[in-house]
């Protein structure tokens, strides 16, 4: 199986999983990039996976279904037109055309019913976990997002993370503000700048690196706690409180 990034809008990625003559689209916010790639490569769409209801993740579903009616998997707790296979925690999406199975994870926070898909050492996490960052809390609570990130952080370190936005450099700038003495962050900035200068995506990325560079996964680190307390101007009690302070800081960064 190959996993292809299809750029969309200003900074979205639609992920296309392909094997043989079949492909599966993940979060097709618009149909055109998917249809163009399928036509150019002589592929047939076999299924669509959705992580959450935001328009830049579902906007192309109707047009794709009009071209090729296929199963659409998506969060059971969100109202999304076109989904005929609602899924949630513990469900398994079987994609026989690709010879792969993906386990469904409930990861609310960005939206109330957000899900992710994990399998074949790959994680499709929508807007929950980003490179060196996490999604805004539009519908969930800090406790929910913290728990979702902890669930993802417990996956094997060699998991490759396929998030859906090219936010890496801006997230790393924030991470450097939180931990200015963190050498791993400085190294990742250089590497990510080189990728973007070559017009290459910084996604996917290995989960293990997030433990070293993502402030939202480092809420127990003394340096992170100190910076969060300094920024918020108060003592913070526990990692969820630290996470909430970091997320509020990042919202205005």
Protein backbone atom coordinates (compact mmCIF):
# COMPACT_ATOMS: atom_id res chain seq x y z
CA UNK A 1 0.00 0.00 0.00
CA UNK A 2 1.17 3.48 -0.88
CA UNK A 3 -0.09 6.62 0.85
CA UNK A 4 -0.17 9.72 -1.35
CA UNK A 5 -0.63 13.33 -0.16
CA UNK A 6 -2.98 15.36 -2.35
CA UNK A 7 -2.69 19.09 -1.53
CA UNK A 8 -6.02 20.90 -1.23
CA UNK A 9 -7.09 24.45 -0.39
CA UNK A 10 -4.30 26.47 1.24
CA UNK A 11 -2.72 23.91 3.55
CA UNK A 12 -4.87 20.74 3.62
CA UNK A 13 -3.78 17.25 2.70
CA UNK A 14 -6.21 14.66 1.38
CA UNK A 15 -4.64 11.24 1.92
CA UNK A 16 -5.05 8.64 -0.81
CA UNK A 17 -4.29 5.03 0.07
CA UNK A 18 -3.59 2.98 -3.03
CA UNK A 19 -2.79 -0.63 -3.87
CA UNK A 20 -3.17 -2.31 -7.23
CA UNK A 21 -5.88 -0.52 -9.18
CA UNK A 22 -7.85 0.69 -6.14
CA UNK A 23 -7.66 3.69 -3.84
CA UNK A 24 -9.26 4.98 -0.64
CA UNK A 25 -9.59 8.71 0.11
CA UNK A 26 -9.22 10.10 3.62
CA UNK A 27 -10.92 13.43 4.41
CA UNK A 28 -11.61 14.62 0.84
CA UNK A 29 -12.43 18.27 1.46
CA UNK A 30 -12.71 18.76 -2.28
CA UNK A 31 -13.23 16.24 -5.03
CA UNK A 32 -11.09 17.68 -7.83
CA UNK A 33 -7.63 16.59 -6.56
CA UNK A 34 -8.92 13.07 -5.93
CA UNK A 35 -10.67 12.74 -9.29
CA UNK A 36 -7.65 14.12 -11.11
CA UNK A 37 -5.26 11.68 -9.41
CA UNK A 38 -7.56 8.71 -9.98
CA UNK A 39 -7.85 9.56 -13.67
CA UNK A 40 -4.12 10.17 -14.14
CA UNK A 41 -3.18 6.91 -12.42
CA UNK A 42 -6.02 4.76 -13.77
CA UNK A 43 -7.34 3.97 -10.29
CA UNK A 44 -10.82 3.17 -9.03
CA UNK A 45 -12.10 4.65 -5.78
CA UNK A 46 -13.03 1.88 -3.32
CA UNK A 47 -14.00 3.78 -0.14
CA UNK A 48 -13.92 7.10 1.71
CA UNK A 49 -12.82 7.64 5.32
CA UNK A 50 -13.90 10.73 7.29
CA UNK A 51 -12.47 11.88 10.63
CA UNK A 52 -14.82 14.77 11.44
CA UNK A 53 -17.50 17.05 10.03
CA UNK A 54 -15.63 20.25 9.11
CA UNK A 55 -16.19 21.33 5.48
CA UNK A 56 -12.52 21.15 4.52
CA UNK A 57 -12.67 17.42 5.33
CA UNK A 58 -16.04 16.44 3.85
CA UNK A 59 -16.72 19.00 1.10
CA UNK A 60 -15.83 16.65 -1.75
CA UNK A 61 -17.76 13.60 -0.60
CA UNK A 62 -20.97 14.26 -2.53
CA UNK A 63 -19.16 14.83 -5.83
CA UNK A 64 -17.03 11.72 -5.39
CA UNK A 65 -20.11 9.62 -4.63
CA UNK A 66 -21.85 11.02 -7.70
CA UNK A 67 -18.95 9.69 -9.77
CA UNK A 68 -18.53 6.36 -7.97
CA UNK A 69 -20.87 5.15 -5.20
CA UNK A 70 -18.58 3.66 -2.54
CA UNK A 71 -18.79 2.94 1.21
CA UNK A 72 -18.22 6.02 3.37
CA UNK A 73 -16.91 5.49 6.89
CA UNK A 74 -17.12 8.29 9.44
CA UNK A 75 -17.83 9.25 13.05
CA UNK A 76 -21.05 7.81 14.43
CA UNK A 77 -21.61 10.82 16.69
CA UNK A 78 -21.47 13.50 13.99
CA UNK A 79 -24.11 14.25 11.37
CA UNK A 80 -22.28 14.02 8.06
CA UNK A 81 -24.12 13.57 4.75
CA UNK A 82 -23.03 10.51 2.81
CA UNK A 83 -21.81 8.34 5.67
CA UNK A 84 -23.33 4.86 5.40
CA UNK A 85 -20.88 3.14 7.75
CA UNK A 86 -20.88 5.07 11.08
CA UNK A 87 -17.95 4.00 13.25
CA UNK A 88 -16.59 4.54 16.73
CA UNK A 89 -14.06 3.31 19.26
CA UNK A 90 -13.14 -0.33 18.77
CA UNK A 91 -14.67 -0.74 15.32
CA UNK A 92 -12.47 -2.09 12.54
CA UNK A 93 -12.65 -0.82 8.98
CA UNK A 94 -11.76 -3.62 6.60
CA UNK A 95 -10.44 -2.48 3.23
CA UNK A 96 -10.07 -5.72 1.25
CA UNK A 97 -9.02 -3.92 -1.94
CA UNK A 98 -5.94 -2.67 -0.10
CA UNK A 99 -5.52 -5.76 2.10
CA UNK A 100 -5.51 -3.59 5.21
CA UNK A 101 -7.60 -3.19 8.36
CA UNK A 102 -7.83 0.06 10.32
CA UNK A 103 -8.88 0.28 13.97
CA UNK A 104 -11.15 3.19 14.84
CA UNK A 105 -10.23 5.47 17.76
CA UNK A 106 -12.54 8.00 19.38
CA UNK A 107 -10.42 11.16 19.73
CA UNK A 108 -12.77 14.06 20.58
CA UNK A 109 -11.63 17.57 21.38
CA UNK A 110 -11.34 19.39 18.09
CA UNK A 111 -14.91 18.28 17.42
CA UNK A 112 -17.23 16.33 19.69
CA UNK A 113 -17.26 13.12 17.64
CA UNK A 114 -13.82 13.16 15.98
CA UNK A 115 -12.37 9.73 15.14
CA UNK A 116 -9.04 8.45 13.90
CA UNK A 117 -7.99 5.35 11.99
CA UNK A 118 -4.95 3.24 12.92
CA UNK A 119 -3.41 0.30 11.11
CA UNK A 120 -0.43 -0.82 9.06
CA UNK A 121 1.77 1.34 11.35
CA UNK A 122 -0.13 4.41 10.12
CA UNK A 123 -2.41 6.86 11.95
CA UNK A 124 -4.96 9.07 10.19
CA UNK A 125 -5.87 11.55 12.89
CA UNK A 126 -7.55 14.43 11.09
CA UNK A 127 -7.15 17.60 13.14
CA UNK A 128 -6.47 16.08 16.57
CA UNK A 129 -2.69 15.68 16.49
CA UNK A 130 -0.48 17.83 14.28
CA UNK A 131 3.29 17.87 13.89
CA UNK A 132 4.44 19.65 17.06
CA UNK A 133 0.86 20.72 17.78
CA UNK A 134 -2.79 19.83 18.18
CA UNK A 135 -6.14 21.05 16.91
CA UNK A 136 -8.14 23.92 18.35
CA UNK A 137 -10.89 23.02 20.80
CA UNK A 138 -13.94 24.01 18.80
CA UNK A 139 -16.37 21.61 20.49
CA UNK A 140 -14.50 19.62 23.13
CA UNK A 141 -12.90 20.35 26.48
CA UNK A 142 -9.22 20.47 27.43
CA UNK A 143 -9.70 17.23 29.36
CA UNK A 144 -11.15 15.51 26.30
CA UNK A 145 -8.36 16.64 24.01
CA UNK A 146 -5.71 15.77 26.56
CA UNK A 147 -7.17 12.25 26.85
CA UNK A 148 -7.33 11.92 23.05
CA UNK A 149 -3.69 12.95 22.68
CA UNK A 150 -2.69 10.54 25.45
CA UNK A 151 -4.48 7.74 23.58
CA UNK A 152 -2.54 8.55 20.42
CA UNK A 153 0.73 8.93 22.30
CA UNK A 154 0.32 5.36 23.59
CA UNK A 155 0.55 3.95 20.05
CA UNK A 156 3.90 2.46 18.95
CA UNK A 157 6.62 5.05 18.42
CA UNK A 158 7.24 3.94 14.84
CA UNK A 159 3.66 4.86 13.88
CA UNK A 160 3.63 7.30 10.98
CA UNK A 161 1.19 10.15 11.60
CA UNK A 162 -0.92 11.42 8.70
CA UNK A 163 -2.59 14.61 9.89
CA UNK A 164 -4.44 16.85 7.47
CA UNK A 165 -2.75 20.26 7.57
CA UNK A 166 0.70 21.66 6.80
CA UNK A 167 1.06 23.53 10.10
CA UNK A 168 4.47 22.20 11.10
CA UNK A 169 6.63 25.33 10.90
CA UNK A 170 4.15 27.53 12.76
CA UNK A 171 3.68 24.81 15.38
CA UNK A 172 7.44 24.45 15.81
CA UNK A 173 7.77 28.21 16.29
CA UNK A 174 5.36 27.92 19.20
CA UNK A 175 7.16 24.84 20.54
CA UNK A 176 10.43 26.82 20.51
CA UNK A 177 8.75 29.61 22.49
CA UNK A 178 7.63 27.06 25.08
CA UNK A 179 11.02 25.30 25.23
CA UNK A 180 13.72 27.62 23.85
CA UNK A 181 16.48 25.31 25.07
CA UNK A 182 15.09 22.13 23.50
CA UNK A 183 17.66 21.00 20.94
CA UNK A 184 15.30 18.47 19.34
CA UNK A 185 12.91 21.30 18.45
CA UNK A 186 15.72 23.35 16.92
CA UNK A 187 16.83 20.37 14.82
CA UNK A 188 13.29 19.70 13.67
CA UNK A 189 12.84 23.32 12.59
CA UNK A 190 15.92 23.07 10.35
CA UNK A 191 14.77 19.76 8.86
CA UNK A 192 11.21 21.02 8.29
CA UNK A 193 12.42 24.25 6.69
CA UNK A 194 14.51 22.21 4.26
CA UNK A 195 11.50 20.09 3.31
CA UNK A 196 9.29 23.11 2.71
CA UNK A 197 12.03 24.88 0.73
CA UNK A 198 12.05 21.83 -1.55
CA UNK A 199 8.23 22.03 -1.79
CA UNK A 200 7.91 18.74 0.07
CA UNK A 201 5.40 18.03 2.85
CA UNK A 202 6.51 17.70 6.46
CA UNK A 203 3.81 15.07 6.92
CA UNK A 204 3.80 12.18 7.67
CA UNK A 205 6.07 12.07 10.67
CA UNK A 206 6.98 9.40 13.25
CA UNK A 207 5.03 9.51 16.49
CA UNK A 208 8.21 9.03 18.55
CA UNK A 209 9.49 12.45 17.53
CA UNK A 210 6.40 14.11 18.97
CA UNK A 211 7.38 13.04 22.46
CA UNK A 212 10.52 15.15 22.09
CA UNK A 213 9.14 18.22 20.33
CA UNK A 214 5.37 18.58 20.81
CA UNK A 215 4.58 20.76 23.85
CA UNK A 216 1.04 19.35 24.08
CA UNK A 217 2.54 15.89 24.68
CA UNK A 218 5.13 17.25 27.13
CA UNK A 219 2.85 18.73 29.78
CA UNK A 220 4.73 16.87 32.54
CA UNK A 221 8.10 18.41 31.66
CA UNK A 222 9.29 20.96 34.26
CA UNK A 223 10.38 23.47 31.59
CA UNK A 224 6.98 23.28 29.89
CA UNK A 225 5.15 23.69 33.19
CA UNK A 226 7.26 26.72 34.11
CA UNK A 227 6.63 28.47 30.80
CA UNK A 228 2.91 27.71 30.91
CA UNK A 229 2.67 29.09 34.44
CA UNK A 230 4.65 32.18 33.52
CA UNK A 231 2.44 32.82 30.52
CA UNK A 232 -0.84 32.23 32.39
CA UNK A 233 0.29 34.08 35.50
CA UNK A 234 -0.90 31.40 37.90
CA UNK A 235 0.00 28.03 39.35
CA UNK A 236 -1.19 25.12 37.27
CA UNK A 237 -2.46 21.95 38.88
CA UNK A 238 -1.86 18.82 36.86
CA UNK A 239 -1.20 18.10 33.18
CA UNK A 240 -4.71 18.97 31.96
CA UNK A 241 -4.37 22.43 33.48
CA UNK A 242 -0.99 22.80 31.79
CA UNK A 243 -2.45 21.62 28.51
CA UNK A 244 -5.31 24.13 28.74
CA UNK A 245 -2.88 26.98 29.41
CA UNK A 246 -0.71 25.96 26.44
CA UNK A 247 -3.72 25.71 24.13
CA UNK A 248 -4.95 29.16 25.19
CA UNK A 249 -1.45 30.57 24.60
CA UNK A 250 -1.23 28.93 21.18
CA UNK A 251 -4.64 30.30 20.16
CA UNK A 252 -3.19 33.80 20.22
CA UNK A 253 0.38 32.98 19.21
